[in-house]
N, C-alpha and C. Protein backbone atom coordinates (compact mmCIF):
# COMPACT_ATOMS: atom_id res chain seq x y z
N UNK A 1 0.84 -1.18 0.00
CA UNK A 1 0.00 0.00 0.00
C UNK A 1 0.89 1.24 0.00
N UNK A 2 0.45 2.23 -0.72
CA UNK A 2 1.21 3.47 -0.82
C UNK A 2 0.29 4.65 -0.57
N UNK A 3 0.80 5.62 0.14
CA UNK A 3 0.05 6.84 0.38
C UNK A 3 0.99 8.00 0.16
N UNK A 4 0.59 8.96 -0.68
CA UNK A 4 1.39 10.15 -0.94
C UNK A 4 0.77 11.30 -0.16
N UNK A 5 1.56 11.95 0.65
CA UNK A 5 1.06 13.06 1.46
C UNK A 5 0.47 14.16 0.58
N UNK A 6 -0.58 14.75 1.08
CA UNK A 6 -1.32 15.75 0.29
C UNK A 6 -0.45 16.92 -0.16
N UNK A 7 0.49 17.36 0.69
CA UNK A 7 1.29 18.53 0.34
C UNK A 7 2.33 18.26 -0.75
N UNK A 8 2.54 17.00 -1.13
CA UNK A 8 3.47 16.70 -2.23
C UNK A 8 2.77 16.05 -3.42
N UNK A 9 1.45 15.99 -3.38
CA UNK A 9 0.70 15.49 -4.54
C UNK A 9 0.80 16.51 -5.66
N UNK A 10 0.62 16.06 -6.86
CA UNK A 10 0.72 16.89 -8.07
C UNK A 10 2.17 17.21 -8.42
N UNK A 11 3.13 16.66 -7.69
CA UNK A 11 4.56 16.86 -8.00
C UNK A 11 5.12 15.70 -8.82
N UNK A 12 4.29 14.70 -9.13
CA UNK A 12 4.74 13.58 -9.94
C UNK A 12 5.26 12.39 -9.15
N UNK A 13 5.29 12.48 -7.82
CA UNK A 13 5.82 11.39 -7.02
C UNK A 13 4.97 10.13 -7.16
N UNK A 14 3.66 10.27 -7.07
CA UNK A 14 2.78 9.11 -7.22
C UNK A 14 2.92 8.45 -8.58
N UNK A 15 3.01 9.27 -9.62
CA UNK A 15 3.18 8.75 -10.98
C UNK A 15 4.50 8.00 -11.10
N UNK A 16 5.57 8.54 -10.52
CA UNK A 16 6.87 7.87 -10.56
C UNK A 16 6.82 6.54 -9.81
N UNK A 17 6.24 6.54 -8.63
CA UNK A 17 6.14 5.31 -7.86
C UNK A 17 5.34 4.25 -8.61
N UNK A 18 4.23 4.66 -9.20
CA UNK A 18 3.40 3.71 -9.95
C UNK A 18 4.14 3.17 -11.17
N UNK A 19 4.81 4.05 -11.89
CA UNK A 19 5.60 3.63 -13.06
C UNK A 19 6.69 2.64 -12.66
N UNK A 20 7.42 2.96 -11.59
CA UNK A 20 8.49 2.08 -11.13
C UNK A 20 7.93 0.71 -10.72
N UNK A 21 6.78 0.72 -10.05
CA UNK A 21 6.13 -0.53 -9.65
C UNK A 21 5.76 -1.35 -10.88
N UNK A 22 5.15 -0.70 -11.87
CA UNK A 22 4.74 -1.41 -13.09
C UNK A 22 5.93 -1.98 -13.84
N UNK A 23 7.02 -1.23 -13.91
CA UNK A 23 8.22 -1.71 -14.60
C UNK A 23 8.81 -2.91 -13.88
N UNK A 24 8.80 -2.89 -12.56
CA UNK A 24 9.31 -4.04 -11.80
C UNK A 24 8.40 -5.25 -11.98
N UNK A 25 7.10 -5.02 -12.03
CA UNK A 25 6.16 -6.12 -12.27
C UNK A 25 6.41 -6.76 -13.63
N UNK A 26 6.66 -5.94 -14.65
CA UNK A 26 6.98 -6.45 -15.99
C UNK A 26 8.28 -7.25 -15.95
N UNK A 27 9.28 -6.71 -15.27
CA UNK A 27 10.57 -7.39 -15.17
C UNK A 27 10.43 -8.76 -14.50
N UNK A 28 9.43 -8.90 -13.65
CA UNK A 28 9.21 -10.17 -12.94
C UNK A 28 8.24 -11.08 -13.70
N UNK A 29 7.82 -10.66 -14.89
CA UNK A 29 6.98 -11.50 -15.73
C UNK A 29 5.49 -11.29 -15.60
N UNK A 30 5.06 -10.26 -14.88
CA UNK A 30 3.63 -10.00 -14.73
C UNK A 30 3.05 -9.44 -16.03
N UNK A 31 1.84 -9.82 -16.34
CA UNK A 31 1.16 -9.31 -17.53
C UNK A 31 0.04 -8.33 -17.18
N UNK A 32 -0.33 -8.28 -15.90
CA UNK A 32 -1.34 -7.33 -15.45
C UNK A 32 -1.18 -7.11 -13.94
N UNK A 33 -1.73 -6.02 -13.47
CA UNK A 33 -1.68 -5.70 -12.04
C UNK A 33 -3.07 -5.27 -11.58
N UNK A 34 -3.27 -5.37 -10.27
CA UNK A 34 -4.52 -4.98 -9.65
C UNK A 34 -4.24 -3.97 -8.54
N UNK A 35 -5.22 -3.11 -8.27
CA UNK A 35 -5.13 -2.21 -7.13
C UNK A 35 -6.55 -1.87 -6.68
N UNK A 36 -6.64 -1.28 -5.51
CA UNK A 36 -7.93 -0.82 -5.00
C UNK A 36 -7.79 0.61 -4.51
N UNK A 37 -8.91 1.31 -4.49
CA UNK A 37 -8.94 2.66 -3.96
C UNK A 37 -10.35 2.95 -3.46
N UNK A 38 -10.46 3.55 -2.31
CA UNK A 38 -11.76 4.02 -1.87
C UNK A 38 -12.14 5.26 -2.68
N UNK A 39 -13.42 5.51 -2.80
CA UNK A 39 -13.87 6.67 -3.60
C UNK A 39 -13.34 7.98 -3.05
N UNK A 40 -13.01 8.05 -1.77
CA UNK A 40 -12.49 9.29 -1.19
C UNK A 40 -10.97 9.37 -1.26
N UNK A 41 -10.35 8.39 -1.91
CA UNK A 41 -8.91 8.41 -2.07
C UNK A 41 -8.55 8.86 -3.49
N UNK A 42 -8.06 7.95 -4.34
CA UNK A 42 -7.50 8.38 -5.63
C UNK A 42 -7.95 7.54 -6.82
N UNK A 43 -9.25 7.22 -6.95
CA UNK A 43 -9.63 6.40 -8.11
C UNK A 43 -9.32 7.09 -9.44
N UNK A 44 -9.47 8.39 -9.51
CA UNK A 44 -9.17 9.12 -10.74
C UNK A 44 -7.70 9.02 -11.14
N UNK A 45 -6.82 8.98 -10.16
CA UNK A 45 -5.39 8.84 -10.42
C UNK A 45 -5.13 7.55 -11.18
N UNK A 46 -5.71 6.45 -10.71
CA UNK A 46 -5.49 5.16 -11.38
C UNK A 46 -6.14 5.13 -12.76
N UNK A 47 -7.30 5.70 -12.89
CA UNK A 47 -7.96 5.75 -14.21
C UNK A 47 -7.11 6.54 -15.20
N UNK A 48 -6.52 7.64 -14.77
CA UNK A 48 -5.66 8.45 -15.65
C UNK A 48 -4.42 7.68 -16.08
N UNK A 49 -4.04 6.67 -15.32
CA UNK A 49 -2.85 5.87 -15.64
C UNK A 49 -3.21 4.53 -16.27
N UNK A 50 -4.40 4.44 -16.83
CA UNK A 50 -4.75 3.28 -17.62
C UNK A 50 -5.41 2.13 -16.88
N UNK A 51 -5.73 2.31 -15.62
CA UNK A 51 -6.39 1.27 -14.85
C UNK A 51 -7.88 1.30 -15.15
N UNK A 52 -8.47 0.13 -15.28
CA UNK A 52 -9.89 0.01 -15.58
C UNK A 52 -10.61 -0.59 -14.38
N UNK A 53 -11.75 -0.01 -14.06
CA UNK A 53 -12.53 -0.51 -12.93
C UNK A 53 -13.10 -1.89 -13.24
N UNK A 54 -12.87 -2.82 -12.33
CA UNK A 54 -13.44 -4.17 -12.44
C UNK A 54 -14.78 -4.25 -11.72
N UNK A 55 -14.79 -3.77 -10.50
CA UNK A 55 -16.02 -3.75 -9.71
C UNK A 55 -15.85 -2.83 -8.52
N UNK A 56 -16.96 -2.54 -7.86
CA UNK A 56 -16.91 -1.73 -6.66
C UNK A 56 -17.88 -2.29 -5.63
N UNK A 57 -17.49 -2.15 -4.37
CA UNK A 57 -18.36 -2.54 -3.26
C UNK A 57 -18.88 -1.26 -2.64
N UNK A 58 -20.15 -1.00 -2.86
CA UNK A 58 -20.78 0.19 -2.29
C UNK A 58 -20.93 0.03 -0.78
N UNK A 59 -20.86 1.15 -0.10
CA UNK A 59 -21.04 1.14 1.35
C UNK A 59 -19.82 0.74 2.15
N UNK A 60 -18.67 0.60 1.47
CA UNK A 60 -17.43 0.27 2.17
C UNK A 60 -16.42 1.38 2.00
N UNK A 61 -15.73 1.83 2.97
CA UNK A 61 -15.80 1.36 4.34
C UNK A 61 -16.93 2.02 5.15
N UNK A 62 -17.61 2.98 4.56
CA UNK A 62 -18.70 3.68 5.25
C UNK A 62 -19.84 3.91 4.27
N UNK A 63 -21.03 4.15 4.76
CA UNK A 63 -22.13 4.50 3.85
C UNK A 63 -21.77 5.73 3.01
N UNK A 64 -22.11 5.69 1.74
CA UNK A 64 -21.80 6.80 0.84
C UNK A 64 -20.43 6.69 0.17
N UNK A 65 -19.63 5.72 0.56
CA UNK A 65 -18.31 5.50 -0.05
C UNK A 65 -18.33 4.13 -0.74
N UNK A 66 -17.28 3.85 -1.49
CA UNK A 66 -17.15 2.55 -2.15
C UNK A 66 -15.69 2.15 -2.22
N UNK A 67 -15.46 0.85 -2.26
CA UNK A 67 -14.14 0.26 -2.44
C UNK A 67 -14.07 -0.18 -3.90
N UNK A 68 -13.23 0.49 -4.69
CA UNK A 68 -13.15 0.25 -6.13
C UNK A 68 -11.92 -0.61 -6.44
N UNK A 69 -12.12 -1.64 -7.25
CA UNK A 69 -11.04 -2.54 -7.64
C UNK A 69 -10.71 -2.31 -9.12
N UNK A 70 -9.42 -2.16 -9.41
CA UNK A 70 -8.93 -1.84 -10.74
C UNK A 70 -7.98 -2.91 -11.25
N UNK A 71 -7.85 -2.97 -12.57
CA UNK A 71 -6.89 -3.85 -13.24
C UNK A 71 -6.24 -3.07 -14.38
N UNK A 72 -4.97 -3.36 -14.63
CA UNK A 72 -4.27 -2.77 -15.77
C UNK A 72 -3.47 -3.86 -16.46
N UNK A 73 -3.61 -3.91 -17.78
CA UNK A 73 -2.80 -4.82 -18.59
C UNK A 73 -1.41 -4.19 -18.77
N UNK A 74 -0.38 -4.98 -18.58
CA UNK A 74 0.99 -4.47 -18.71
C UNK A 74 1.61 -4.82 -20.05
N UNK A 75 1.00 -5.68 -20.82
CA UNK A 75 1.61 -6.12 -22.06
C UNK A 75 1.71 -5.00 -23.09
N UNK A 76 0.91 -3.93 -22.94
CA UNK A 76 0.92 -2.83 -23.89
C UNK A 76 1.92 -1.74 -23.53
N UNK A 77 2.60 -1.88 -22.38
CA UNK A 77 3.52 -0.81 -21.93
C UNK A 77 4.82 -0.85 -22.71
């Protein structure tokens, strides 16, 4: 799990960490990766980086929120 502090968001750190993670996954033979994000966290960040929503659990962890599960194919990178 990774969390980027709010005061350093938009500086590219999250994008760099995600890119480095994906490159290491490719180096280890992975063809796809999964991640999750609550609706109040960063689902848009993952969507902007090519992650596609697989499903969501409404009402988790609290009413009005959802736990969103994403997948990204790595073979196209």
